[in-house]
Amino acid sequence: MSSQPTQILTAEQLQQKIRRIAFQIYENNFEESALVLAGVSGEGYVFAQLLENELKQIAPLAVTLLHLDLDKTRKAQPPIQIDNPAANYTDTVVIVVDDVLNSGRTLAFSLQPFLTVAVRKLQVAVLVDRNHPRYPVAADYIGYELSTTLTEHVEVVLSNESRIGVYLH
């Protein structure tokens, strides 16, 4: 059964969500001079890049972009690799960025590198929250909340220009 996916958000609607999240991040961190966006592998990292671009347009913040390298399909993760291990997060706001919050497992693993450092704040931004929490992770910034069944799949496409959008399979 390979039915066509249903498009939930268009490219334009996604851009509006990303811009709104950037404004929310700035509003909640306007007293900061810098922050770190840590994008989870795949579309989460692309989302982090888009957020960085929006923040640079609206806020006088120094934004550091990190890539969190992990395999979302694995049940257990080795230590998460960060592309810039020399970056200093001490006393800095860190925002972990991913495309979809489903059970919270991926985000729980993604928070791990920052739990051993005295960060000022640790926040989470997602484009879609599916409302299936199995892990104690909640997003501080949400583009779109979507209640789905466990058998449905939400796909965020940001890196394929001909298909940008959010799809329900």
N, C-alpha and C. Protein backbone atom coordinates (compact mmCIF):
# COMPACT_ATOMS: atom_id res chain seq x y z
N MET A 1 0.84 -1.18 0.00
CA MET A 1 0.00 0.00 0.00
C MET A 1 0.89 1.24 0.00
N SER A 2 1.10 1.80 -1.18
CA SER A 2 1.95 2.99 -1.27
C SER A 2 1.10 4.17 -1.75
N SER A 3 0.31 4.71 -0.85
CA SER A 3 -0.51 5.86 -1.19
C SER A 3 0.34 7.13 -1.16
N GLN A 4 -0.15 8.14 -1.84
CA GLN A 4 0.56 9.41 -1.86
C GLN A 4 0.53 10.05 -0.47
N PRO A 5 1.64 10.63 -0.05
CA PRO A 5 1.63 11.33 1.23
C PRO A 5 0.77 12.60 1.15
N THR A 6 0.22 13.00 2.27
CA THR A 6 -0.57 14.22 2.37
C THR A 6 0.34 15.35 2.81
N GLN A 7 0.36 16.43 2.04
CA GLN A 7 1.19 17.57 2.43
C GLN A 7 0.47 18.36 3.52
N ILE A 8 1.14 18.50 4.65
CA ILE A 8 0.60 19.21 5.80
C ILE A 8 0.99 20.69 5.78
N LEU A 9 2.25 20.96 5.45
CA LEU A 9 2.75 22.33 5.36
C LEU A 9 3.50 22.52 4.04
N THR A 10 3.29 23.66 3.41
CA THR A 10 4.00 24.00 2.18
C THR A 10 5.35 24.64 2.53
N ALA A 11 6.15 24.88 1.51
CA ALA A 11 7.45 25.54 1.71
C ALA A 11 7.25 26.93 2.33
N GLU A 12 6.25 27.66 1.85
CA GLU A 12 6.00 29.01 2.37
C GLU A 12 5.55 28.95 3.84
N GLN A 13 4.68 28.00 4.16
CA GLN A 13 4.23 27.86 5.55
C GLN A 13 5.38 27.45 6.46
N LEU A 14 6.25 26.57 5.97
CA LEU A 14 7.42 26.16 6.76
C LEU A 14 8.32 27.37 7.03
N GLN A 15 8.54 28.19 6.02
CA GLN A 15 9.37 29.38 6.20
C GLN A 15 8.77 30.31 7.25
N GLN A 16 7.45 30.46 7.25
CA GLN A 16 6.79 31.29 8.25
C GLN A 16 7.00 30.70 9.66
N LYS A 17 6.91 29.39 9.78
CA LYS A 17 7.11 28.73 11.08
C LYS A 17 8.54 28.95 11.56
N ILE A 18 9.50 28.81 10.67
CA ILE A 18 10.91 28.97 11.02
C ILE A 18 11.17 30.42 11.46
N ARG A 19 10.60 31.37 10.75
CA ARG A 19 10.79 32.79 11.12
C ARG A 19 10.16 33.06 12.48
N ARG A 20 8.97 32.52 12.74
CA ARG A 20 8.31 32.72 14.04
C ARG A 20 9.14 32.12 15.16
N ILE A 21 9.68 30.93 14.94
CA ILE A 21 10.52 30.30 15.97
C ILE A 21 11.76 31.15 16.22
N ALA A 22 12.35 31.71 15.17
CA ALA A 22 13.52 32.58 15.34
C ALA A 22 13.16 33.79 16.21
N PHE A 23 12.01 34.38 15.98
CA PHE A 23 11.57 35.51 16.81
C PHE A 23 11.36 35.08 18.25
N GLN A 24 10.76 33.90 18.45
CA GLN A 24 10.54 33.40 19.81
C GLN A 24 11.88 33.17 20.52
N ILE A 25 12.83 32.60 19.81
CA ILE A 25 14.16 32.37 20.40
C ILE A 25 14.78 33.70 20.81
N TYR A 26 14.69 34.69 19.94
CA TYR A 26 15.26 36.00 20.26
C TYR A 26 14.53 36.64 21.44
N GLU A 27 13.20 36.55 21.46
CA GLU A 27 12.43 37.13 22.57
C GLU A 27 12.82 36.50 23.91
N ASN A 28 13.04 35.19 23.92
CA ASN A 28 13.37 34.49 25.16
C ASN A 28 14.85 34.61 25.54
N ASN A 29 15.66 35.11 24.62
CA ASN A 29 17.11 35.20 24.87
C ASN A 29 17.67 36.56 24.47
N PHE A 30 16.85 37.60 24.52
CA PHE A 30 17.30 38.91 24.04
C PHE A 30 18.43 39.51 24.87
N GLU A 31 18.59 39.06 26.09
CA GLU A 31 19.67 39.59 26.93
C GLU A 31 21.01 38.88 26.67
N GLU A 32 20.99 37.85 25.87
CA GLU A 32 22.21 37.10 25.56
C GLU A 32 22.98 37.78 24.43
N SER A 33 24.29 37.59 24.43
CA SER A 33 25.09 38.11 23.32
C SER A 33 25.37 37.01 22.29
N ALA A 34 25.21 35.75 22.73
CA ALA A 34 25.51 34.64 21.83
C ALA A 34 24.65 33.44 22.22
N LEU A 35 24.47 32.55 21.25
CA LEU A 35 23.83 31.27 21.54
C LEU A 35 24.33 30.23 20.56
N VAL A 36 24.06 28.96 20.92
CA VAL A 36 24.50 27.82 20.12
C VAL A 36 23.26 27.11 19.59
N LEU A 37 23.24 26.85 18.29
CA LEU A 37 22.21 26.01 17.69
C LEU A 37 22.87 24.68 17.35
N ALA A 38 22.37 23.60 17.95
CA ALA A 38 22.93 22.27 17.73
C ALA A 38 21.92 21.46 16.94
N GLY A 39 22.15 21.32 15.65
CA GLY A 39 21.21 20.62 14.77
C GLY A 39 21.48 19.14 14.71
N VAL A 40 20.42 18.34 14.86
CA VAL A 40 20.50 16.89 14.80
C VAL A 40 20.65 16.48 13.34
N SER A 41 21.48 15.47 13.08
CA SER A 41 21.74 14.98 11.71
C SER A 41 20.50 14.96 10.84
N GLY A 42 20.68 15.26 9.58
CA GLY A 42 19.57 15.22 8.63
C GLY A 42 18.85 16.55 8.57
N GLU A 43 17.53 16.47 8.50
CA GLU A 43 16.72 17.68 8.34
C GLU A 43 16.77 18.57 9.58
N GLY A 44 17.09 18.00 10.74
CA GLY A 44 17.26 18.81 11.94
C GLY A 44 18.39 19.81 11.79
N TYR A 45 19.48 19.36 11.16
CA TYR A 45 20.62 20.26 10.93
C TYR A 45 20.26 21.33 9.89
N VAL A 46 19.53 20.94 8.85
CA VAL A 46 19.10 21.92 7.84
C VAL A 46 18.18 22.96 8.50
N PHE A 47 17.29 22.50 9.37
CA PHE A 47 16.42 23.41 10.12
C PHE A 47 17.27 24.37 10.96
N ALA A 48 18.32 23.88 11.61
CA ALA A 48 19.21 24.72 12.41
C ALA A 48 19.88 25.78 11.53
N GLN A 49 20.30 25.39 10.32
CA GLN A 49 20.91 26.35 9.40
C GLN A 49 19.91 27.45 9.02
N LEU A 50 18.67 27.06 8.75
CA LEU A 50 17.65 28.04 8.39
C LEU A 50 17.33 28.97 9.56
N LEU A 51 17.30 28.41 10.77
CA LEU A 51 17.10 29.23 11.97
C LEU A 51 18.25 30.22 12.15
N GLU A 52 19.46 29.74 11.93
CA GLU A 52 20.63 30.62 12.05
C GLU A 52 20.49 31.80 11.09
N ASN A 53 20.09 31.54 9.84
CA ASN A 53 19.92 32.61 8.86
C ASN A 53 18.88 33.62 9.31
N GLU A 54 17.75 33.14 9.84
CA GLU A 54 16.69 34.04 10.32
C GLU A 54 17.18 34.86 11.51
N LEU A 55 17.85 34.20 12.45
CA LEU A 55 18.34 34.91 13.64
C LEU A 55 19.33 36.01 13.26
N LYS A 56 20.18 35.75 12.28
CA LYS A 56 21.14 36.76 11.84
C LYS A 56 20.45 37.99 11.25
N GLN A 57 19.26 37.79 10.68
CA GLN A 57 18.52 38.91 10.10
C GLN A 57 17.79 39.74 11.14
N ILE A 58 17.40 39.13 12.27
CA ILE A 58 16.55 39.84 13.22
C ILE A 58 17.21 40.16 14.55
N ALA A 59 18.36 39.53 14.85
CA ALA A 59 18.92 39.67 16.19
C ALA A 59 20.43 39.93 16.14
N PRO A 60 20.93 40.73 17.09
CA PRO A 60 22.36 40.99 17.15
C PRO A 60 23.11 39.92 17.94
N LEU A 61 22.72 38.67 17.76
CA LEU A 61 23.34 37.55 18.49
C LEU A 61 24.45 36.93 17.66
N ALA A 62 25.50 36.51 18.35
CA ALA A 62 26.51 35.68 17.69
C ALA A 62 26.01 34.25 17.79
N VAL A 63 25.75 33.63 16.64
CA VAL A 63 25.17 32.29 16.62
C VAL A 63 26.24 31.30 16.16
N THR A 64 26.45 30.26 16.99
CA THR A 64 27.36 29.17 16.63
C THR A 64 26.49 27.99 16.22
N LEU A 65 26.78 27.41 15.06
CA LEU A 65 26.03 26.28 14.55
C LEU A 65 26.85 25.01 14.72
N LEU A 66 26.24 24.00 15.35
CA LEU A 66 26.89 22.71 15.54
C LEU A 66 26.08 21.62 14.86
N HIS A 67 26.77 20.56 14.46
CA HIS A 67 26.12 19.40 13.85
C HIS A 67 26.24 18.23 14.81
N LEU A 68 25.10 17.72 15.29
CA LEU A 68 25.09 16.55 16.17
C LEU A 68 24.93 15.32 15.30
N ASP A 69 25.94 14.48 15.30
CA ASP A 69 25.95 13.31 14.42
C ASP A 69 25.47 12.09 15.19
N LEU A 70 24.27 11.62 14.85
CA LEU A 70 23.76 10.40 15.43
C LEU A 70 22.87 9.68 14.43
N ASP A 71 22.67 8.40 14.66
CA ASP A 71 21.86 7.56 13.79
C ASP A 71 20.49 7.41 14.44
N LYS A 72 19.49 8.08 13.88
CA LYS A 72 18.16 8.08 14.47
C LYS A 72 17.50 6.70 14.48
N THR A 73 18.01 5.78 13.69
CA THR A 73 17.39 4.46 13.62
C THR A 73 17.89 3.51 14.71
N ARG A 74 18.98 3.86 15.38
CA ARG A 74 19.53 2.98 16.42
C ARG A 74 18.77 3.13 17.72
N LYS A 75 18.55 2.01 18.41
CA LYS A 75 17.84 2.04 19.70
C LYS A 75 18.73 2.61 20.81
N ALA A 76 20.02 2.35 20.74
CA ALA A 76 20.99 2.89 21.70
C ALA A 76 22.06 3.62 20.90
N GLN A 77 22.62 4.66 21.50
CA GLN A 77 23.59 5.48 20.78
C GLN A 77 24.95 5.43 21.46
N PRO A 78 26.02 5.38 20.66
CA PRO A 78 27.34 5.63 21.25
C PRO A 78 27.39 7.12 21.59
N PRO A 79 28.45 7.59 22.23
CA PRO A 79 28.53 9.03 22.52
C PRO A 79 28.30 9.84 21.24
N ILE A 80 27.50 10.87 21.35
CA ILE A 80 27.14 11.71 20.22
C ILE A 80 28.36 12.52 19.79
N GLN A 81 28.60 12.55 18.48
CA GLN A 81 29.72 13.31 17.94
C GLN A 81 29.25 14.71 17.55
N ILE A 82 30.05 15.70 17.93
CA ILE A 82 29.78 17.10 17.58
C ILE A 82 30.87 17.55 16.63
N ASP A 83 30.48 18.21 15.54
CA ASP A 83 31.45 18.58 14.52
C ASP A 83 32.46 19.63 14.98
N ASN A 84 32.18 20.32 16.08
CA ASN A 84 33.10 21.34 16.58
C ASN A 84 33.33 21.09 18.08
N PRO A 85 34.09 20.03 18.42
CA PRO A 85 34.24 19.69 19.83
C PRO A 85 34.98 20.77 20.63
N ALA A 86 35.65 21.69 19.96
CA ALA A 86 36.39 22.74 20.67
C ALA A 86 35.47 23.89 21.08
N ALA A 87 34.26 23.90 20.56
CA ALA A 87 33.34 24.99 20.90
C ALA A 87 33.09 25.00 22.40
N ASN A 88 33.02 26.18 22.96
CA ASN A 88 32.82 26.32 24.40
C ASN A 88 31.36 26.69 24.67
N TYR A 89 30.64 25.80 25.35
CA TYR A 89 29.22 26.04 25.63
C TYR A 89 29.01 26.53 27.06
N THR A 90 30.06 26.61 27.84
CA THR A 90 29.93 27.01 29.24
C THR A 90 29.26 28.38 29.34
N ASP A 91 28.24 28.47 30.19
CA ASP A 91 27.51 29.71 30.43
C ASP A 91 26.91 30.29 29.15
N THR A 92 26.49 29.40 28.24
CA THR A 92 25.90 29.81 26.97
C THR A 92 24.54 29.14 26.82
N VAL A 93 23.65 29.80 26.11
CA VAL A 93 22.36 29.19 25.78
C VAL A 93 22.58 28.23 24.62
N VAL A 94 22.15 26.98 24.80
CA VAL A 94 22.26 25.96 23.76
C VAL A 94 20.85 25.53 23.39
N ILE A 95 20.56 25.55 22.10
CA ILE A 95 19.26 25.10 21.61
C ILE A 95 19.48 23.91 20.69
N VAL A 96 18.97 22.75 21.10
CA VAL A 96 19.04 21.54 20.28
C VAL A 96 17.89 21.59 19.30
N VAL A 97 18.19 21.40 18.02
CA VAL A 97 17.23 21.60 16.94
C VAL A 97 17.03 20.30 16.17
N ASP A 98 15.76 19.89 16.02
CA ASP A 98 15.44 18.70 15.22
C ASP A 98 14.17 18.96 14.43
N ASP A 99 13.93 18.13 13.43
CA ASP A 99 12.76 18.34 12.59
C ASP A 99 11.47 17.88 13.25
N VAL A 100 11.44 16.66 13.82
CA VAL A 100 10.21 16.10 14.38
C VAL A 100 10.48 15.58 15.79
N LEU A 101 9.58 15.91 16.71
CA LEU A 101 9.60 15.32 18.05
C LEU A 101 8.51 14.27 18.07
N ASN A 102 8.92 13.02 18.12
CA ASN A 102 7.96 11.92 18.15
C ASN A 102 7.90 11.37 19.56
N SER A 103 8.80 10.45 19.90
CA SER A 103 8.81 9.86 21.24
C SER A 103 9.71 10.64 22.20
N GLY A 104 10.66 11.39 21.64
CA GLY A 104 11.63 12.11 22.46
C GLY A 104 12.95 11.39 22.59
N ARG A 105 13.05 10.16 22.04
CA ARG A 105 14.28 9.37 22.17
C ARG A 105 15.47 10.05 21.51
N THR A 106 15.31 10.50 20.27
CA THR A 106 16.42 11.15 19.57
C THR A 106 16.86 12.41 20.30
N LEU A 107 15.91 13.20 20.75
CA LEU A 107 16.27 14.43 21.46
C LEU A 107 16.91 14.14 22.80
N ALA A 108 16.48 13.07 23.47
CA ALA A 108 17.10 12.70 24.75
C ALA A 108 18.58 12.38 24.52
N PHE A 109 18.88 11.63 23.47
CA PHE A 109 20.28 11.34 23.15
C PHE A 109 21.03 12.62 22.76
N SER A 110 20.35 13.53 22.05
CA SER A 110 20.98 14.76 21.57
C SER A 110 21.33 15.73 22.68
N LEU A 111 20.63 15.64 23.80
CA LEU A 111 20.92 16.53 24.93
C LEU A 111 22.18 16.11 25.68
N GLN A 112 22.54 14.83 25.57
CA GLN A 112 23.63 14.24 26.35
C GLN A 112 24.95 15.02 26.33
N PRO A 113 25.44 15.49 25.18
CA PRO A 113 26.74 16.19 25.20
C PRO A 113 26.74 17.48 26.02
N PHE A 114 25.56 18.04 26.26
CA PHE A 114 25.48 19.33 26.95
C PHE A 114 25.18 19.20 28.43
N LEU A 115 24.94 17.97 28.89
CA LEU A 115 24.60 17.75 30.29
C LEU A 115 25.82 17.76 31.20
N THR A 116 27.00 17.64 30.63
CA THR A 116 28.23 17.63 31.43
C THR A 116 28.90 19.00 31.44
N VAL A 117 28.25 19.99 30.86
CA VAL A 117 28.79 21.35 30.78
C VAL A 117 27.81 22.29 31.48
N ALA A 118 28.34 23.29 32.14
CA ALA A 118 27.49 24.26 32.83
C ALA A 118 26.95 25.28 31.84
N VAL A 119 25.96 24.84 31.01
CA VAL A 119 25.34 25.77 30.07
C VAL A 119 24.39 26.69 30.84
N ARG A 120 24.13 27.85 30.28
CA ARG A 120 23.21 28.79 30.92
C ARG A 120 21.77 28.28 30.82
N LYS A 121 21.38 27.88 29.61
CA LYS A 121 20.05 27.30 29.36
C LYS A 121 20.21 26.24 28.29
N LEU A 122 19.41 25.19 28.40
CA LEU A 122 19.37 24.14 27.38
C LEU A 122 17.92 24.05 26.91
N GLN A 123 17.70 24.39 25.64
CA GLN A 123 16.36 24.44 25.09
C GLN A 123 16.26 23.54 23.88
N VAL A 124 15.01 23.29 23.43
CA VAL A 124 14.76 22.41 22.29
C VAL A 124 13.82 23.11 21.33
N ALA A 125 14.14 23.03 20.02
CA ALA A 125 13.28 23.57 18.97
C ALA A 125 12.99 22.46 17.97
N VAL A 126 11.72 22.31 17.60
CA VAL A 126 11.32 21.32 16.59
C VAL A 126 10.32 21.97 15.64
N LEU A 127 10.29 21.47 14.41
CA LEU A 127 9.29 21.96 13.46
C LEU A 127 7.94 21.31 13.70
N VAL A 128 7.93 20.00 14.02
CA VAL A 128 6.67 19.28 14.23
C VAL A 128 6.76 18.49 15.53
N ASP A 129 5.74 18.66 16.38
CA ASP A 129 5.62 17.87 17.61
C ASP A 129 4.43 16.93 17.41
N ARG A 130 4.71 15.61 17.42
CA ARG A 130 3.67 14.61 17.15
C ARG A 130 2.88 14.19 18.39
N ASN A 131 3.26 14.63 19.56
CA ASN A 131 2.53 14.33 20.78
C ASN A 131 2.49 12.84 21.13
N HIS A 132 3.64 12.17 21.04
CA HIS A 132 3.76 10.77 21.46
C HIS A 132 4.89 10.62 22.46
N PRO A 133 4.85 11.34 23.58
CA PRO A 133 6.00 11.33 24.49
C PRO A 133 6.19 9.98 25.19
N ARG A 134 7.39 9.43 25.06
CA ARG A 134 7.79 8.25 25.82
C ARG A 134 9.02 8.58 26.66
N TYR A 135 9.67 9.68 26.35
CA TYR A 135 10.84 10.15 27.08
C TYR A 135 10.51 11.54 27.62
N PRO A 136 11.13 11.92 28.73
CA PRO A 136 10.77 13.23 29.34
C PRO A 136 11.45 14.40 28.63
N VAL A 137 11.10 14.57 27.36
CA VAL A 137 11.65 15.67 26.57
C VAL A 137 10.48 16.45 25.99
N ALA A 138 10.48 17.74 26.22
CA ALA A 138 9.47 18.61 25.65
C ALA A 138 10.18 19.73 24.88
N ALA A 139 9.54 20.21 23.85
CA ALA A 139 10.13 21.27 23.05
C ALA A 139 9.74 22.63 23.60
N ASP A 140 10.70 23.55 23.62
CA ASP A 140 10.46 24.93 24.02
C ASP A 140 9.90 25.73 22.85
N TYR A 141 10.27 25.35 21.63
CA TYR A 141 9.84 26.05 20.43
C TYR A 141 9.28 25.01 19.46
N ILE A 142 8.03 25.20 19.05
CA ILE A 142 7.35 24.23 18.19
C ILE A 142 6.75 24.98 17.00
N GLY A 143 7.05 24.48 15.81
CA GLY A 143 6.47 25.08 14.61
C GLY A 143 5.03 24.66 14.41
N TYR A 144 4.74 23.36 14.62
CA TYR A 144 3.42 22.83 14.33
C TYR A 144 3.18 21.60 15.20
N GLU A 145 2.04 21.56 15.87
CA GLU A 145 1.68 20.39 16.67
C GLU A 145 0.70 19.56 15.87
N LEU A 146 0.96 18.25 15.80
CA LEU A 146 0.17 17.37 14.97
C LEU A 146 -0.06 16.07 15.71
N SER A 147 -1.29 15.80 16.07
CA SER A 147 -1.61 14.52 16.72
C SER A 147 -1.78 13.47 15.63
N THR A 148 -0.99 12.43 15.74
CA THR A 148 -1.01 11.37 14.74
C THR A 148 -1.16 10.02 15.44
N THR A 149 -1.43 9.00 14.65
CA THR A 149 -1.42 7.65 15.20
C THR A 149 0.02 7.16 15.18
N LEU A 150 0.29 6.11 15.93
CA LEU A 150 1.65 5.57 15.96
C LEU A 150 2.08 4.97 14.63
N THR A 151 1.13 4.58 13.79
CA THR A 151 1.47 3.98 12.51
C THR A 151 1.74 5.01 11.42
N GLU A 152 1.34 6.25 11.66
CA GLU A 152 1.58 7.30 10.68
C GLU A 152 3.01 7.82 10.79
N HIS A 153 3.53 8.31 9.69
CA HIS A 153 4.90 8.82 9.65
C HIS A 153 4.86 10.27 9.17
N VAL A 154 5.56 11.14 9.89
CA VAL A 154 5.67 12.54 9.49
C VAL A 154 7.06 12.75 8.89
N GLU A 155 7.08 13.32 7.70
CA GLU A 155 8.35 13.57 7.02
C GLU A 155 8.50 15.07 6.78
N VAL A 156 9.61 15.62 7.27
CA VAL A 156 9.93 17.02 7.01
C VAL A 156 11.00 17.03 5.93
N VAL A 157 10.75 17.78 4.87
CA VAL A 157 11.70 17.88 3.76
C VAL A 157 12.13 19.34 3.65
N LEU A 158 13.41 19.57 3.92
CA LEU A 158 13.98 20.92 3.81
C LEU A 158 15.13 20.95 2.81
N SER A 159 15.77 19.80 2.57
CA SER A 159 16.98 19.76 1.76
C SER A 159 16.72 19.44 0.29
N ASN A 160 15.49 19.14 -0.09
CA ASN A 160 15.16 18.86 -1.48
C ASN A 160 14.25 19.99 -1.97
N GLU A 161 14.82 20.94 -2.70
CA GLU A 161 14.09 22.16 -3.05
C GLU A 161 12.81 21.91 -3.83
N SER A 162 12.73 20.83 -4.56
CA SER A 162 11.51 20.57 -5.34
C SER A 162 10.39 19.98 -4.48
N ARG A 163 10.71 19.59 -3.23
CA ARG A 163 9.71 18.93 -2.37
C ARG A 163 9.61 19.53 -0.99
N ILE A 164 10.09 20.73 -0.74
CA ILE A 164 10.10 21.30 0.60
C ILE A 164 8.68 21.30 1.17
N GLY A 165 8.56 20.79 2.39
CA GLY A 165 7.26 20.75 3.04
C GLY A 165 7.25 19.72 4.16
N VAL A 166 6.09 19.57 4.78
CA VAL A 166 5.86 18.54 5.79
C VAL A 166 4.80 17.61 5.25
N TYR A 167 5.08 16.31 5.31
CA TYR A 167 4.19 15.31 4.72
C TYR A 167 3.80 14.27 5.75
N LEU A 168 2.57 13.79 5.64
CA LEU A 168 2.05 12.72 6.48
C LEU A 168 1.89 11.50 5.60
N HIS A 169 2.55 10.40 6.02
CA HIS A 169 2.46 9.12 5.27
C HIS A 169 1.59 8.16 6.04
